[in-house]
Amino acid sequence: MPIPPAILTPDLSTPNATVYPSPLRQTLGQSVQYIKTSTPPPLNPPDIKVPSPTTIIEASKRLAAWTAVDRHVLPECKVIGIGSGSTVPYVVERIVAQGKEMNKDRVFIPTSFQSKELIVNAQLLLGDVDQYPALDVTVDGADEVDETLNCIKGGGACHLREKVLAEAADTFIVVADYRKNSDVLGKNFTQGVPIEVAQFAYAKVLQNVHLLGSPNAVLRMAKSKAGPVVTDNGNFVIDAPFPEEMMKDPYTLLKRLKMLTGVVEVGLFCHMAKAAYFGNQDGSVTVKWHDGRIESVDSGSSPIPKANENGKNGKHHAHNVQMRNVSIREM
């Protein structure tokens, strides 16, 4: 058999200093100067560039997030869960605005790749639920919330990790815009209950979900790749719309779905949230509490809070959201 030309190349026949590049790591006797010149420069101070809201919906998300952070991410909170979704960047933005001194002793636990990147880019201390199985507070979004704070989550396929952090937290807070505020789950979020399933079991699980009462349940397909959506955990997602009669009792439905072999987690969060904050079109915030109270918070004349009013170097300063005309009523 002929010898490949690469084997006969002279400069590869005998390893020497000219063949192998200098090591990138420090070795015995190596000068400190080498390490200095090969080490990346220190990162600049965090500059969280969350675009200012240009629509009422985005303004509502920011208002809900800011209000919830101001009320629940308190100085004594040291281990904080960061959820996923379109409202969460505003959560991180407001936490950063609390200042370096407040955040220096805090650890932040992500629920997804998105939230991990938000934490890292903000130069907050990243942790893992393996290290910190008990959290002070978790702030997360939702696809829909009913009148007793049951939630549909999983539109972003992160509901397994989101539920782990929701259960691990002493206080679980939901933030969303007014479109997610509902009396019965499934009215506004019509694509169905997200069900994360093991890949090899999806066909049987899908068949069982059809028999359970969701004949239109489908495997969620990716939009920019060929094939199904794959979660951060390597699983598939089934979207299962159920009739209103079944959605009126989401806890029973959750138990039935969880009993199906192959189901990893279900995007029904029942009896978990302490409060849900909804930013409204008029610039107010509706707060639903776990004990049935509904609070209306007027944040001022503008639905868009100003995070950077003095415009100094793009840094965020913690301006208190004005709260007035607070009313509480029983459901």
Protein backbone atom coordinates (compact mmCIF):
# COMPACT_ATOMS: atom_id res chain seq x y z
CA MET A 1 0.00 0.00 0.00
CA PRO A 2 1.46 3.41 -0.93
CA ILE A 3 2.47 5.71 1.90
CA PRO A 4 0.32 8.89 2.05
CA PRO A 5 2.30 12.00 1.08
CA ALA A 6 1.63 13.62 4.43
CA ILE A 7 3.58 10.89 6.21
CA LEU A 8 6.63 11.66 4.05
CA THR A 9 6.55 15.41 4.71
CA PRO A 10 10.01 16.26 6.16
CA ASP A 11 8.87 18.77 8.77
CA LEU A 12 6.52 16.20 10.29
CA SER A 13 8.99 13.32 10.41
CA THR A 14 10.82 14.53 13.53
CA PRO A 15 9.03 16.72 16.06
CA ASN A 16 11.04 19.75 17.09
CA ALA A 17 10.56 23.29 18.33
CA THR A 18 9.74 24.56 14.85
CA VAL A 19 6.93 22.05 14.35
CA TYR A 20 4.87 22.56 17.48
CA PRO A 21 3.69 26.04 18.46
CA SER A 22 4.52 27.52 21.84
CA PRO A 23 2.12 26.45 24.58
CA LEU A 24 -0.68 28.83 25.49
CA ARG A 25 -0.57 27.83 29.14
CA GLN A 26 2.17 28.70 31.59
CA THR A 27 4.87 26.05 32.06
CA LEU A 28 7.65 25.73 34.60
CA GLY A 29 10.19 28.51 34.16
CA GLN A 30 8.03 30.49 31.72
CA SER A 31 8.16 34.23 32.18
CA VAL A 32 5.22 36.08 33.64
CA GLN A 33 5.39 38.52 30.74
CA TYR A 34 4.34 35.73 28.35
CA ILE A 35 1.22 35.09 30.40
CA LYS A 36 0.37 38.77 30.50
CA THR A 37 0.54 39.16 26.75
CA SER A 38 -1.42 35.96 26.05
CA THR A 39 -4.20 36.58 28.58
CA PRO A 40 -7.34 38.29 27.24
CA PRO A 41 -7.80 41.84 28.52
CA PRO A 42 -10.27 42.35 31.39
CA LEU A 43 -13.90 42.79 30.46
CA ASN A 44 -15.40 46.24 30.42
CA PRO A 45 -18.06 47.12 33.00
CA PRO A 46 -21.44 45.65 32.10
CA ASP A 47 -23.54 47.67 29.69
CA ILE A 48 -26.94 46.04 29.39
CA LYS A 49 -28.31 47.20 26.07
CA VAL A 50 -31.97 46.34 26.25
CA PRO A 51 -33.71 48.31 23.49
CA SER A 52 -36.14 50.91 24.76
CA PRO A 53 -39.72 49.77 24.22
CA THR A 54 -41.20 51.00 20.95
CA THR A 55 -44.60 49.36 21.35
CA ILE A 56 -47.19 49.28 24.10
CA ILE A 57 -46.66 45.54 24.50
CA GLU A 58 -42.92 45.91 25.09
CA ALA A 59 -43.53 48.84 27.43
CA SER A 60 -45.99 46.69 29.36
CA LYS A 61 -43.44 43.90 29.69
CA ARG A 62 -40.81 46.25 31.02
CA LEU A 63 -43.20 47.85 33.48
CA ALA A 64 -44.28 44.48 34.87
CA ALA A 65 -40.67 43.30 35.15
CA TRP A 66 -39.43 46.46 36.83
CA THR A 67 -42.28 46.52 39.34
CA ALA A 68 -41.78 42.87 40.27
CA VAL A 69 -38.01 43.28 40.71
CA ASP A 70 -38.47 46.38 42.87
CA ARG A 71 -40.87 44.51 45.14
CA HIS A 72 -39.36 41.03 45.32
CA VAL A 73 -35.66 41.09 44.46
CA LEU A 74 -34.75 42.65 47.77
CA PRO A 75 -31.31 43.26 49.34
CA GLU A 76 -31.61 40.10 51.42
CA CYS A 77 -32.13 37.95 48.29
CA LYS A 78 -28.77 36.30 47.57
CA VAL A 79 -29.66 33.34 45.31
CA ILE A 80 -31.92 34.39 42.44
CA GLY A 81 -33.45 32.36 39.64
CA ILE A 82 -33.68 34.05 36.24
CA GLY A 83 -36.42 32.78 33.95
CA SER A 84 -36.76 32.77 30.19
CA GLY A 85 -38.77 34.63 27.59
CA SER A 86 -39.25 38.07 26.13
CA THR A 87 -39.94 39.78 29.49
CA VAL A 88 -36.84 38.47 31.24
CA PRO A 89 -34.29 40.87 29.66
CA TYR A 90 -36.15 43.67 31.44
CA VAL A 91 -35.86 41.71 34.70
CA VAL A 92 -32.08 41.50 34.34
CA GLU A 93 -31.93 45.15 33.27
CA ARG A 94 -33.64 46.22 36.49
CA ILE A 95 -31.48 43.95 38.66
CA VAL A 96 -28.32 45.46 37.14
CA ALA A 97 -29.76 48.91 37.85
CA GLN A 98 -29.77 48.04 41.55
CA GLY A 99 -26.01 48.52 41.41
CA LYS A 100 -22.74 46.61 41.78
CA GLU A 101 -22.75 46.84 45.55
CA MET A 102 -26.16 45.17 45.74
CA ASN A 103 -25.21 42.41 43.29
CA LYS A 104 -21.67 41.61 44.39
CA ASP A 105 -22.72 38.87 46.84
CA ARG A 106 -25.55 37.46 44.75
CA VAL A 107 -25.65 34.28 42.66
CA PHE A 108 -27.94 33.98 39.65
CA ILE A 109 -29.29 30.65 38.42
CA PRO A 110 -30.48 30.41 34.78
CA THR A 111 -33.41 28.41 33.40
CA SER A 112 -32.13 28.31 29.82
CA PHE A 113 -29.34 29.21 27.44
CA GLN A 114 -31.02 32.60 26.97
CA SER A 115 -31.03 33.46 30.66
CA LYS A 116 -27.48 32.16 31.09
CA GLU A 117 -26.31 34.55 28.38
CA LEU A 118 -28.19 37.43 30.01
CA ILE A 119 -26.47 36.70 33.33
CA VAL A 120 -23.01 36.34 31.78
CA ASN A 121 -23.32 39.45 29.61
CA ALA A 122 -24.41 41.46 32.63
CA GLN A 123 -21.31 40.19 34.50
CA LEU A 124 -23.46 38.83 37.29
CA LEU A 125 -22.24 35.75 39.16
CA LEU A 126 -23.48 32.65 37.37
CA GLY A 127 -24.44 29.63 39.45
CA ASP A 128 -26.12 26.26 38.98
CA VAL A 129 -29.05 24.65 40.74
CA ASP A 130 -26.73 21.73 41.61
CA GLN A 131 -24.73 24.15 43.75
CA TYR A 132 -27.72 26.11 45.04
CA PRO A 133 -30.80 23.87 45.29
CA ALA A 134 -32.55 26.43 47.51
CA LEU A 135 -33.28 29.85 45.98
CA ASP A 136 -34.59 33.01 47.58
CA VAL A 137 -36.66 34.11 44.60
CA THR A 138 -37.24 33.17 40.97
CA VAL A 139 -38.67 35.68 38.49
CA ASP A 140 -39.98 34.25 35.24
CA GLY A 141 -42.38 34.95 32.40
CA ALA A 142 -45.46 32.99 31.39
CA ASP A 143 -47.49 32.27 28.28
CA GLU A 144 -50.78 32.56 30.16
CA VAL A 145 -51.96 32.89 33.78
CA ASP A 146 -55.45 32.10 35.04
CA GLU A 147 -57.42 33.65 37.90
CA THR A 148 -55.83 31.38 40.54
CA LEU A 149 -52.26 31.82 39.23
CA ASN A 150 -52.03 28.52 37.38
CA CYS A 151 -49.72 29.10 34.40
CA ILE A 152 -48.99 27.73 30.97
CA LYS A 153 -45.26 27.87 30.33
CA GLY A 154 -43.07 26.29 27.69
CA GLY A 155 -43.67 28.42 24.62
CA GLY A 156 -39.89 28.76 24.53
CA ALA A 157 -39.37 25.05 25.34
CA CYS A 158 -37.67 25.81 28.69
CA HIS A 159 -40.39 24.62 31.07
CA LEU A 160 -38.47 21.71 32.63
CA ARG A 161 -35.70 23.92 33.99
CA GLU A 162 -38.16 26.72 34.70
CA LYS A 163 -40.24 24.41 36.89
CA VAL A 164 -37.17 23.15 38.75
CA LEU A 165 -36.21 26.71 39.68
CA ALA A 166 -39.80 27.69 40.45
CA GLU A 167 -40.07 24.81 42.93
CA ALA A 168 -36.63 25.51 44.37
CA ALA A 169 -37.46 29.14 45.21
CA ASP A 170 -39.00 30.40 48.41
CA THR A 171 -40.87 32.92 46.26
CA PHE A 172 -41.88 32.38 42.63
CA ILE A 173 -42.96 35.53 40.78
CA VAL A 174 -44.45 35.72 37.27
CA VAL A 175 -44.10 38.78 35.01
CA ALA A 176 -45.95 39.30 31.73
CA ASP A 177 -47.91 41.78 29.64
CA TYR A 178 -51.69 42.19 29.68
CA ARG A 179 -52.26 39.62 26.90
CA LYS A 180 -51.22 36.80 29.26
CA ASN A 181 -53.86 37.66 31.88
CA SER A 182 -56.73 35.19 31.58
CA ASP A 183 -59.52 33.58 33.59
CA VAL A 184 -59.12 30.09 32.09
CA LEU A 185 -55.92 28.68 30.59
CA GLY A 186 -56.01 28.06 26.86
CA LYS A 187 -58.17 31.05 25.93
CA ASN A 188 -55.30 33.34 24.95
CA PHE A 189 -52.47 30.83 24.47
CA THR A 190 -54.18 28.56 21.98
CA GLN A 191 -51.31 26.43 20.69
CA GLY A 192 -51.71 24.05 23.62
CA VAL A 193 -49.99 22.74 26.71
CA PRO A 194 -46.25 22.20 26.07
CA ILE A 195 -45.18 18.67 26.97
CA GLU A 196 -41.47 17.82 26.97
CA VAL A 197 -40.91 14.17 26.01
CA ALA A 198 -38.01 11.80 25.51
CA GLN A 199 -37.15 11.62 21.82
CA PHE A 200 -37.53 7.86 21.42
CA ALA A 201 -40.95 7.90 23.12
CA TYR A 202 -42.61 10.85 21.37
CA ALA A 203 -44.77 8.82 18.97
CA LYS A 204 -46.36 6.76 21.74
CA VAL A 205 -46.77 9.78 24.00
CA LEU A 206 -48.42 11.70 21.17
CA GLN A 207 -50.85 8.83 20.62
CA ASN A 208 -51.69 8.75 24.33
CA VAL A 209 -52.19 12.51 24.46
CA HIS A 210 -54.68 12.20 21.58
CA LEU A 211 -56.59 9.58 23.57
CA LEU A 212 -56.43 11.72 26.70
CA GLY A 213 -58.49 14.46 25.07
CA SER A 214 -56.26 16.44 22.71
CA PRO A 215 -56.80 15.05 19.19
CA ASN A 216 -55.01 18.05 17.66
CA ALA A 217 -51.81 17.63 19.66
CA VAL A 218 -48.71 17.83 17.45
CA LEU A 219 -44.95 17.54 17.68
CA ARG A 220 -43.49 21.06 17.70
CA MET A 221 -41.43 21.64 14.58
CA ALA A 222 -38.51 24.06 14.30
CA LYS A 223 -38.87 27.16 12.14
CA SER A 224 -35.29 27.57 10.92
CA LYS A 225 -34.13 23.96 10.81
CA ALA A 226 -35.43 20.75 9.34
CA GLY A 227 -37.08 18.66 11.99
CA PRO A 228 -38.54 19.12 15.46
CA VAL A 229 -37.62 21.57 18.19
CA VAL A 230 -35.00 20.13 20.55
CA THR A 231 -34.90 21.47 24.10
CA ASP A 232 -31.80 22.41 26.08
CA ASN A 233 -32.14 18.94 27.63
CA GLY A 234 -32.14 17.12 24.28
CA ASN A 235 -35.87 16.30 24.29
CA PHE A 236 -38.83 16.96 21.96
CA VAL A 237 -41.91 19.07 22.70
CA ILE A 238 -45.55 18.23 22.02
CA ASP A 239 -48.11 21.06 21.94
CA ALA A 240 -51.47 19.75 23.13
CA PRO A 241 -54.58 21.95 23.09
CA PHE A 242 -57.29 20.66 25.44
CA PRO A 243 -60.96 21.69 25.68
CA GLU A 244 -61.94 24.42 28.12
CA GLU A 245 -63.67 21.94 30.44
CA MET A 246 -60.36 20.19 31.07
CA MET A 247 -58.37 23.44 31.33
CA LYS A 248 -60.64 24.64 34.13
CA ASP A 249 -58.97 22.00 36.31
CA PRO A 250 -55.32 22.22 35.18
CA TYR A 251 -53.95 20.39 38.22
CA THR A 252 -55.90 17.23 37.41
CA LEU A 253 -54.79 17.46 33.78
CA LEU A 254 -51.19 17.94 34.91
CA LYS A 255 -51.30 14.78 37.00
CA ARG A 256 -52.75 12.72 34.14
CA LEU A 257 -50.15 13.96 31.67
CA LYS A 258 -47.26 13.39 34.08
CA MET A 259 -48.32 9.75 34.47
CA LEU A 260 -47.69 9.05 30.78
CA THR A 261 -44.46 7.11 30.32
CA GLY A 262 -41.98 9.14 28.28
CA VAL A 263 -43.19 12.51 29.53
CA VAL A 264 -40.33 14.48 31.08
CA GLU A 265 -42.25 17.59 32.15
CA VAL A 266 -45.54 19.39 31.48
CA GLY A 267 -45.87 23.15 30.99
CA LEU A 268 -48.65 23.51 33.56
CA PHE A 269 -47.44 25.33 36.66
CA CYS A 270 -50.11 24.83 39.33
CA HIS A 271 -50.16 26.18 42.89
CA MET A 272 -46.64 27.58 42.54
CA ALA A 273 -46.67 31.36 41.97
CA LYS A 274 -46.95 33.79 44.86
CA ALA A 275 -47.87 36.70 42.57
CA ALA A 276 -48.22 37.55 38.89
CA TYR A 277 -47.47 41.04 37.54
CA PHE A 278 -49.16 42.18 34.32
CA GLY A 279 -48.18 45.41 32.60
CA ASN A 280 -51.23 47.11 31.09
CA GLN A 281 -51.79 49.36 28.08
CA ASP A 282 -52.61 52.39 30.26
CA GLY A 283 -49.32 52.26 32.14
CA SER A 284 -50.69 50.50 35.21
CA VAL A 285 -49.73 47.12 36.62
CA THR A 286 -52.22 44.49 37.71
CA VAL A 287 -50.92 42.21 40.45
CA LYS A 288 -52.67 38.92 41.16
CA TRP A 289 -51.78 37.32 44.49
CA HIS A 290 -51.94 33.68 45.49
CA ASP A 291 -54.54 34.43 48.20
CA GLY A 292 -57.02 35.88 45.69
CA ARG A 293 -56.23 39.57 46.05
CA ILE A 294 -55.96 41.72 42.93
CA GLU A 295 -53.90 44.88 43.22
CA SER A 296 -53.84 47.75 40.74
CA VAL A 297 -50.67 49.84 40.68
CA ASP A 298 -50.52 53.13 38.79
CA SER A 299 -46.93 53.72 37.71
CA GLY A 300 -47.44 57.26 36.44
CA SER A 301 -48.52 58.90 33.21
CA SER A 302 -46.10 57.11 30.88
CA PRO A 303 -46.24 53.37 30.25
CA ILE A 304 -42.49 53.40 29.54
CA PRO A 305 -40.22 53.71 32.60
CA LYS A 306 -37.06 55.73 32.03
CA ALA A 307 -33.99 53.63 32.78
CA ASN A 308 -31.39 56.15 31.65
CA GLU A 309 -32.73 59.67 32.04
CA ASN A 310 -29.37 61.43 32.44
CA GLY A 311 -27.71 59.61 29.53
CA LYS A 312 -24.33 59.19 31.25
CA ASN A 313 -22.15 56.68 29.41
CA GLY A 314 -25.11 54.41 28.73
CA LYS A 315 -25.15 53.29 32.37
CA HIS A 316 -28.41 52.36 34.05
CA HIS A 317 -29.45 54.12 37.19
CA ALA A 318 -32.06 52.79 39.56
CA HIS A 319 -34.94 55.22 39.32
CA ASN A 320 -37.87 54.20 41.43
CA VAL A 321 -40.99 53.46 39.45
CA GLN A 322 -43.63 55.83 40.79
CA MET A 323 -46.41 53.92 42.52
CA ARG A 324 -49.66 55.65 43.23
CA ASN A 325 -53.39 55.04 43.42
CA VAL A 326 -52.88 51.52 44.72
CA SER A 327 -56.09 49.62 45.24
CA ILE A 328 -56.72 46.06 46.37
CA ARG A 329 -59.90 44.11 45.88
CA GLU A 330 -60.96 40.55 46.60
CA MET A 331 -61.77 38.23 43.75
